[in-house]
Amino acid sequence: KIIIADTLSQWVSPIFNNADIATFIEAW
């Protein structure tokens, strides 16, 4: 939870909150 999941969260919200402008790399 602390080391992995919470670290990954920083790459999740910026993409899913900006789906209309996400690039190919960002979406993946």
PDB file of all heavy atoms in Angstrom:
ATOM      1  N   LYS A   1       0.816  -1.208   0.000  1.00  0.00           N
ATOM      2  CA  LYS A   1       0.000   0.000   0.000  1.00  0.00           C
ATOM      3  C   LYS A   1       0.853   1.263   0.000  1.00  0.00           C
ATOM      4  O   LYS A   1       0.691   2.140  -0.854  1.00  0.00           O
ATOM      5  CB  LYS A   1      -0.934  -0.024   1.218  1.00  0.00           C
ATOM      6  CG  LYS A   1      -1.631   1.299   1.524  1.00  0.00           C
ATOM      7  CD  LYS A   1      -2.542   1.720   0.405  1.00  0.00           C
ATOM      8  CE  LYS A   1      -3.250   3.031   0.758  1.00  0.00           C
ATOM      9  NZ  LYS A   1      -3.978   3.588  -0.397  1.00  0.00           N
ATOM     10  N   ILE A   2       1.757   1.364   0.973  1.00  0.00           N
ATOM     11  CA  ILE A   2       2.506   2.601   1.189  1.00  0.00           C
ATOM     12  C   ILE A   2       3.558   2.836   0.110  1.00  0.00           C
ATOM     13  O   ILE A   2       3.657   3.935  -0.459  1.00  0.00           O
ATOM     14  CB  ILE A   2       3.183   2.582   2.579  1.00  0.00           C
ATOM     15  CG1 ILE A   2       2.137   2.508   3.692  1.00  0.00           C
ATOM     16  CG2 ILE A   2       4.076   3.812   2.765  1.00  0.00           C
ATOM     17  CD1 ILE A   2       1.265   3.723   3.803  1.00  0.00           C
ATOM     18  N   ILE A   3       4.346   1.804  -0.170  1.00  0.00           N
ATOM     19  CA  ILE A   3       5.495   1.984  -1.062  1.00  0.00           C
ATOM     20  C   ILE A   3       5.085   1.914  -2.534  1.00  0.00           C
ATOM     21  O   ILE A   3       5.582   2.694  -3.355  1.00  0.00           O
ATOM     22  CB  ILE A   3       6.573   0.924  -0.761  1.00  0.00           C
ATOM     23  CG1 ILE A   3       7.068   1.065   0.687  1.00  0.00           C
ATOM     24  CG2 ILE A   3       7.744   1.045  -1.737  1.00  0.00           C
ATOM     25  CD1 ILE A   3       8.055  -0.008   1.104  1.00  0.00           C
ATOM     26  N   ILE A   4       4.178   1.000  -2.865  1.00  0.00           N
ATOM     27  CA  ILE A   4       3.872   0.779  -4.287  1.00  0.00           C
ATOM     28  C   ILE A   4       2.596   1.496  -4.722  1.00  0.00           C
ATOM     29  O   ILE A   4       2.635   2.346  -5.611  1.00  0.00           O
ATOM     30  CB  ILE A   4       3.768  -0.729  -4.578  1.00  0.00           C
ATOM     31  CG1 ILE A   4       5.080  -1.433  -4.196  1.00  0.00           C
ATOM     32  CG2 ILE A   4       3.466  -0.949  -6.057  1.00  0.00           C
ATOM     33  CD1 ILE A   4       5.052  -2.933  -4.390  1.00  0.00           C
ATOM     34  N   ALA A   5       1.451   1.143  -4.106  1.00  0.00           N
ATOM     35  CA  ALA A   5       0.163   1.688  -4.580  1.00  0.00           C
ATOM     36  C   ALA A   5       0.128   3.207  -4.493  1.00  0.00           C
ATOM     37  O   ALA A   5      -0.317   3.885  -5.428  1.00  0.00           O
ATOM     38  CB  ALA A   5      -0.980   1.079  -3.779  1.00  0.00           C
ATOM     39  N   ASP A   6       0.595   3.767  -3.372  1.00  0.00           N
ATOM     40  CA  ASP A   6       0.545   5.220  -3.213  1.00  0.00           C
ATOM     41  C   ASP A   6       1.516   5.924  -4.161  1.00  0.00           C
ATOM     42  O   ASP A   6       1.287   7.076  -4.552  1.00  0.00           O
ATOM     43  CB  ASP A   6       0.855   5.609  -1.762  1.00  0.00           C
ATOM     44  CG  ASP A   6      -0.288   5.272  -0.827  1.00  0.00           C
ATOM     45  OD1 ASP A   6      -1.369   4.893  -1.326  1.00  0.00           O
ATOM     46  OD2 ASP A   6      -0.118   5.372   0.403  1.00  0.00           O
ATOM     47  N   THR A   7       2.613   5.252  -4.524  1.00  0.00           N
ATOM     48  CA  THR A   7       3.537   5.826  -5.507  1.00  0.00           C
ATOM     49  C   THR A   7       2.902   5.841  -6.892  1.00  0.00           C
ATOM     50  O   THR A   7       3.008   6.827  -7.629  1.00  0.00           O
ATOM     51  CB  THR A   7       4.846   5.023  -5.539  1.00  0.00           C
ATOM     52  OG1 THR A   7       5.481   5.103  -4.254  1.00  0.00           O
ATOM     53  CG2 THR A   7       5.796   5.579  -6.591  1.00  0.00           C
ATOM     54  N   LEU A   8       2.241   4.754  -7.253  1.00  0.00           N
ATOM     55  CA  LEU A   8       1.615   4.667  -8.570  1.00  0.00           C
ATOM     56  C   LEU A   8       0.474   5.663  -8.738  1.00  0.00           C
ATOM     57  O   LEU A   8       0.173   6.087  -9.865  1.00  0.00           O
ATOM     58  CB  LEU A   8       1.081   3.248  -8.790  1.00  0.00           C
ATOM     59  CG  LEU A   8       2.127   2.150  -8.973  1.00  0.00           C
ATOM     60  CD1 LEU A   8       1.465   0.774  -8.927  1.00  0.00           C
ATOM     61  CD2 LEU A   8       2.879   2.331 -10.277  1.00  0.00           C
ATOM     62  N   SER A   9      -0.149   6.044  -7.642  1.00  0.00           N
ATOM     63  CA  SER A   9      -1.317   6.932  -7.734  1.00  0.00           C
ATOM     64  C   SER A   9      -0.990   8.259  -8.397  1.00  0.00           C
ATOM     65  O   SER A   9      -1.861   8.879  -9.004  1.00  0.00           O
ATOM     66  CB  SER A   9      -1.898   7.171  -6.337  1.00  0.00           C
ATOM     67  OG  SER A   9      -0.994   7.891  -5.521  1.00  0.00           O
ATOM     68  N   GLN A  10       0.272   8.697  -8.301  1.00  0.00           N
ATOM     69  CA  GLN A  10       0.644   9.996  -8.886  1.00  0.00           C
ATOM     70  C   GLN A  10       0.591   9.981 -10.410  1.00  0.00           C
ATOM     71  O   GLN A  10       0.553  11.045 -11.044  1.00  0.00           O
ATOM     72  CB  GLN A  10       2.049  10.388  -8.423  1.00  0.00           C
ATOM     73  CG  GLN A  10       3.153   9.474  -8.935  1.00  0.00           C
ATOM     74  CD  GLN A  10       4.530   9.889  -8.486  1.00  0.00           C
ATOM     75  OE1 GLN A  10       4.894  11.061  -8.576  1.00  0.00           O
ATOM     76  NE2 GLN A  10       5.300   8.946  -7.967  1.00  0.00           N
ATOM     77  N   TRP A  11       0.598   8.799 -11.018  1.00  0.00           N
ATOM     78  CA  TRP A  11       0.509   8.708 -12.475  1.00  0.00           C
ATOM     79  C   TRP A  11      -0.899   8.383 -12.947  1.00  0.00           C
ATOM     80  O   TRP A  11      -1.151   8.358 -14.146  1.00  0.00           O
ATOM     81  CB  TRP A  11       1.468   7.622 -12.995  1.00  0.00           C
ATOM     82  CG  TRP A  11       2.893   7.890 -12.669  1.00  0.00           C
ATOM     83  CD1 TRP A  11       3.515   9.096 -12.618  1.00  0.00           C
ATOM     84  CD2 TRP A  11       3.890   6.911 -12.328  1.00  0.00           C
ATOM     85  NE1 TRP A  11       4.820   8.950 -12.266  1.00  0.00           N
ATOM     86  CE2 TRP A  11       5.095   7.625 -12.084  1.00  0.00           C
ATOM     87  CE3 TRP A  11       3.892   5.539 -12.203  1.00  0.00           C
ATOM     88  CZ2 TRP A  11       6.275   6.979 -11.730  1.00  0.00           C
ATOM     89  CZ3 TRP A  11       5.069   4.899 -11.857  1.00  0.00           C
ATOM     90  CH2 TRP A  11       6.243   5.605 -11.620  1.00  0.00           C
ATOM     91  N   VAL A  12      -1.799   8.101 -12.030  1.00  0.00           N
ATOM     92  CA  VAL A  12      -3.148   7.677 -12.410  1.00  0.00           C
ATOM     93  C   VAL A  12      -4.092   8.869 -12.578  1.00  0.00           C
ATOM     94  O   VAL A  12      -4.665   9.085 -13.648  1.00  0.00           O
ATOM     95  CB  VAL A  12      -3.713   6.667 -11.386  1.00  0.00           C
ATOM     96  CG1 VAL A  12      -5.165   6.340 -11.713  1.00  0.00           C
ATOM     97  CG2 VAL A  12      -2.867   5.399 -11.354  1.00  0.00           C
ATOM     98  N   SER A  13      -4.251   9.642 -11.519  1.00  0.00           N
ATOM     99  CA  SER A  13      -5.217  10.742 -11.545  1.00  0.00           C
ATOM    100  C   SER A  13      -4.953  11.759 -12.653  1.00  0.00           C
ATOM    101  O   SER A  13      -5.901  12.198 -13.322  1.00  0.00           O
ATOM    102  CB  SER A  13      -5.265  11.435 -10.182  1.00  0.00           C
ATOM    103  OG  SER A  13      -5.782  10.561  -9.203  1.00  0.00           O
ATOM    104  N   PRO A  14      -3.674  12.201 -12.892  1.00  0.00           N
ATOM    105  CA  PRO A  14      -3.459  13.185 -13.961  1.00  0.00           C
ATOM    106  C   PRO A  14      -3.934  12.707 -15.320  1.00  0.00           C
ATOM    107  O   PRO A  14      -4.345  13.516 -16.145  1.00  0.00           O
ATOM    108  CB  PRO A  14      -1.935  13.385 -13.943  1.00  0.00           C
ATOM    109  CG  PRO A  14      -1.514  13.015 -12.560  1.00  0.00           C
ATOM    110  CD  PRO A  14      -2.421  11.903 -12.165  1.00  0.00           C
ATOM    111  N   ILE A  15      -3.888  11.406 -15.566  1.00  0.00           N
ATOM    112  CA  ILE A  15      -4.312  10.872 -16.864  1.00  0.00           C
ATOM    113  C   ILE A  15      -5.822  10.750 -16.939  1.00  0.00           C
ATOM    114  O   ILE A  15      -6.465  11.240 -17.873  1.00  0.00           O
ATOM    115  CB  ILE A  15      -3.664   9.503 -17.125  1.00  0.00           C
ATOM    116  CG1 ILE A  15      -2.137   9.613 -17.029  1.00  0.00           C
ATOM    117  CG2 ILE A  15      -4.095   8.961 -18.472  1.00  0.00           C
ATOM    118  CD1 ILE A  15      -1.547  10.677 -17.911  1.00  0.00           C
ATOM    119  N   PHE A  16      -6.414  10.103 -15.947  1.00  0.00           N
ATOM    120  CA  PHE A  16      -7.863   9.870 -15.995  1.00  0.00           C
ATOM    121  C   PHE A  16      -8.654  11.159 -15.779  1.00  0.00           C
ATOM    122  O   PHE A  16      -9.817  11.225 -16.174  1.00  0.00           O
ATOM    123  CB  PHE A  16      -8.248   8.811 -14.962  1.00  0.00           C
ATOM    124  CG  PHE A  16      -7.914   7.412 -15.387  1.00  0.00           C
ATOM    125  CD1 PHE A  16      -6.677   6.856 -15.097  1.00  0.00           C
ATOM    126  CD2 PHE A  16      -8.831   6.660 -16.096  1.00  0.00           C
ATOM    127  CE1 PHE A  16      -6.364   5.569 -15.505  1.00  0.00           C
ATOM    128  CE2 PHE A  16      -8.529   5.367 -16.511  1.00  0.00           C
ATOM    129  CZ  PHE A  16      -7.285   4.823 -16.217  1.00  0.00           C
ATOM    130  N   ASN A  17      -8.049  12.156 -15.175  1.00  0.00           N
ATOM    131  CA  ASN A  17      -8.735  13.445 -15.016  1.00  0.00           C
ATOM    132  C   ASN A  17      -8.579  14.333 -16.249  1.00  0.00           C
ATOM    133  O   ASN A  17      -9.209  15.384 -16.335  1.00  0.00           O
ATOM    134  CB  ASN A  17      -8.189  14.185 -13.790  1.00  0.00           C
ATOM    135  CG  ASN A  17      -8.569  13.494 -12.489  1.00  0.00           C
ATOM    136  OD1 ASN A  17      -9.463  12.658 -12.466  1.00  0.00           O
ATOM    137  ND2 ASN A  17      -7.892  13.844 -11.412  1.00  0.00           N
ATOM    138  N   ASN A  18      -7.714  13.929 -17.189  1.00  0.00           N
ATOM    139  CA  ASN A  18      -7.488  14.710 -18.413  1.00  0.00           C
ATOM    140  C   ASN A  18      -7.514  13.786 -19.622  1.00  0.00           C
ATOM    141  O   ASN A  18      -6.649  13.844 -20.493  1.00  0.00           O
ATOM    142  CB  ASN A  18      -6.142  15.442 -18.332  1.00  0.00           C
ATOM    143  CG  ASN A  18      -6.077  16.433 -17.191  1.00  0.00           C
ATOM    144  OD1 ASN A  18      -6.552  17.560 -17.303  1.00  0.00           O
ATOM    145  ND2 ASN A  18      -5.491  16.016 -16.075  1.00  0.00           N
ATOM    146  N   ALA A  19      -8.511  12.936 -19.668  1.00  0.00           N
ATOM    147  CA  ALA A  19      -8.586  11.919 -20.719  1.00  0.00           C
ATOM    148  C   ALA A  19      -8.635  12.522 -22.109  1.00  0.00           C
ATOM    149  O   ALA A  19      -8.139  11.923 -23.072  1.00  0.00           O
ATOM    150  CB  ALA A  19      -9.810  11.036 -20.490  1.00  0.00           C
ATOM    151  N   ASP A  20      -9.207  13.713 -22.232  1.00  0.00           N
ATOM    152  CA  ASP A  20      -9.388  14.306 -23.553  1.00  0.00           C
ATOM    153  C   ASP A  20      -8.095  14.819 -24.163  1.00  0.00           C
ATOM    154  O   ASP A  20      -8.012  15.001 -25.381  1.00  0.00           O
ATOM    155  CB  ASP A  20     -10.419  15.438 -23.491  1.00  0.00           C
ATOM    156  CG  ASP A  20     -10.047  16.498 -22.468  1.00  0.00           C
ATOM    157  OD1 ASP A  20      -9.377  16.161 -21.473  1.00  0.00           O
ATOM    158  OD2 ASP A  20     -10.433  17.668 -22.654  1.00  0.00           O
ATOM    159  N   ILE A  21      -7.046  15.045 -23.353  1.00  0.00           N
ATOM    160  CA  ILE A  21      -5.795  15.576 -23.895  1.00  0.00           C
ATOM    161  C   ILE A  21      -4.622  14.639 -23.655  1.00  0.00           C
ATOM    162  O   ILE A  21      -3.482  14.970 -23.983  1.00  0.00           O
ATOM    163  CB  ILE A  21      -5.470  16.962 -23.283  1.00  0.00           C
ATOM    164  CG1 ILE A  21      -5.358  16.868 -21.758  1.00  0.00           C
ATOM    165  CG2 ILE A  21      -6.513  17.991 -23.692  1.00  0.00           C
ATOM    166  CD1 ILE A  21      -4.893  18.169 -21.115  1.00  0.00           C
ATOM    167  N   ALA A  22      -4.876  13.456 -23.092  1.00  0.00           N
ATOM    168  CA  ALA A  22      -3.794  12.503 -22.828  1.00  0.00           C
ATOM    169  C   ALA A  22      -3.200  12.002 -24.137  1.00  0.00           C
ATOM    170  O   ALA A  22      -3.913  11.775 -25.121  1.00  0.00           O
ATOM    171  CB  ALA A  22      -4.307  11.324 -22.006  1.00  0.00           C
ATOM    172  N   THR A  23      -1.880  11.843 -24.174  1.00  0.00           N
ATOM    173  CA  THR A  23      -1.199  11.314 -25.351  1.00  0.00           C
ATOM    174  C   THR A  23      -1.152   9.792 -25.290  1.00  0.00           C
ATOM    175  O   THR A  23      -1.531   9.176 -24.297  1.00  0.00           O
ATOM    176  CB  THR A  23       0.229  11.857 -25.441  1.00  0.00           C
ATOM    177  OG1 THR A  23       0.981  11.371 -24.310  1.00  0.00           O
ATOM    178  CG2 THR A  23       0.233  13.381 -25.437  1.00  0.00           C
ATOM    179  N   PHE A  24      -0.658   9.189 -26.360  1.00  0.00           N
ATOM    180  CA  PHE A  24      -0.548   7.732 -26.451  1.00  0.00           C
ATOM    181  C   PHE A  24       0.254   7.177 -25.272  1.00  0.00           C
ATOM    182  O   PHE A  24      -0.175   6.223 -24.602  1.00  0.00           O
ATOM    183  CB  PHE A  24       0.120   7.367 -27.780  1.00  0.00           C
ATOM    184  CG  PHE A  24       0.384   5.898 -27.957  1.00  0.00           C
ATOM    185  CD1 PHE A  24      -0.640   5.037 -28.327  1.00  0.00           C
ATOM    186  CD2 PHE A  24       1.660   5.386 -27.758  1.00  0.00           C
ATOM    187  CE1 PHE A  24      -0.394   3.683 -28.496  1.00  0.00           C
ATOM    188  CE2 PHE A  24       1.912   4.033 -27.928  1.00  0.00           C
ATOM    189  CZ  PHE A  24       0.886   3.175 -28.293  1.00  0.00           C
ATOM    190  N   ILE A  25       1.420   7.762 -25.019  1.00  0.00           N
ATOM    191  CA  ILE A  25       2.285   7.294 -23.930  1.00  0.00           C
ATOM    192  C   ILE A  25       1.596   7.480 -22.589  1.00  0.00           C
ATOM    193  O   ILE A  25       1.578   6.584 -21.736  1.00  0.00           O
ATOM    194  CB  ILE A  25       3.633   8.049 -23.933  1.00  0.00           C
ATOM    195  CG1 ILE A  25       4.445   7.665 -25.165  1.00  0.00           C
ATOM    196  CG2 ILE A  25       4.408   7.770 -22.657  1.00  0.00           C
ATOM    197  CD1 ILE A  25       4.945   6.233 -25.155  1.00  0.00           C
ATOM    198  N   GLU A  26       1.010   8.656 -22.384  1.00  0.00           N
ATOM    199  CA  GLU A  26       0.348   8.943 -21.109  1.00  0.00           C
ATOM    200  C   GLU A  26      -0.810   7.990 -20.859  1.00  0.00           C
ATOM    201  O   GLU A  26      -0.999   7.513 -19.735  1.00  0.00           O
ATOM    202  CB  GLU A  26      -0.157  10.392 -21.108  1.00  0.00           C
ATOM    203  CG  GLU A  26       0.953  11.416 -21.037  1.00  0.00           C
ATOM    204  CD  GLU A  26       0.438  12.822 -21.289  1.00  0.00           C
ATOM    205  OE1 GLU A  26      -0.666  12.969 -21.843  1.00  0.00           O
ATOM    206  OE2 GLU A  26       1.151  13.765 -20.932  1.00  0.00           O
ATOM    207  N   ALA A  27      -1.595   7.705 -21.894  1.00  0.00           N
ATOM    208  CA  ALA A  27      -2.748   6.823 -21.724  1.00  0.00           C
ATOM    209  C   ALA A  27      -2.302   5.436 -21.272  1.00  0.00           C
ATOM    210  O   ALA A  27      -2.912   4.839 -20.375  1.00  0.00           O
ATOM    211  CB  ALA A  27      -3.540   6.739 -23.030  1.00  0.00           C
ATOM    212  N   TRP A  28      -1.235   4.928 -21.876  1.00  0.00           N
ATOM    213  CA  TRP A  28      -0.748   3.606 -21.494  1.00  0.00           C
ATOM    214  C   TRP A  28      -0.109   3.603 -20.105  1.00  0.00           C
ATOM    215  O   TRP A  28      -0.308   2.670 -19.323  1.00  0.00           O
ATOM    216  CB  TRP A  28       0.240   3.078 -22.531  1.00  0.00           C
ATOM    217  CG  TRP A  28      -0.458   2.352 -23.639  1.00  0.00           C
ATOM    218  CD1 TRP A  28      -0.701   2.811 -24.902  1.00  0.00           C
ATOM    219  CD2 TRP A  28      -1.037   1.045 -23.570  1.00  0.00           C
ATOM    220  NE1 TRP A  28      -1.393   1.870 -25.631  1.00  0.00           N
ATOM    221  CE2 TRP A  28      -1.606   0.769 -24.837  1.00  0.00           C
ATOM    222  CE3 TRP A  28      -1.131   0.084 -22.570  1.00  0.00           C
ATOM    223  CZ2 TRP A  28      -2.268  -0.425 -25.122  1.00  0.00           C
ATOM    224  CZ3 TRP A  28      -1.781  -1.111 -22.845  1.00  0.00           C
ATOM    225  CH2 TRP A  28      -2.339  -1.359 -24.096  1.00  0.00           C
TER     226      TRP A  28
END
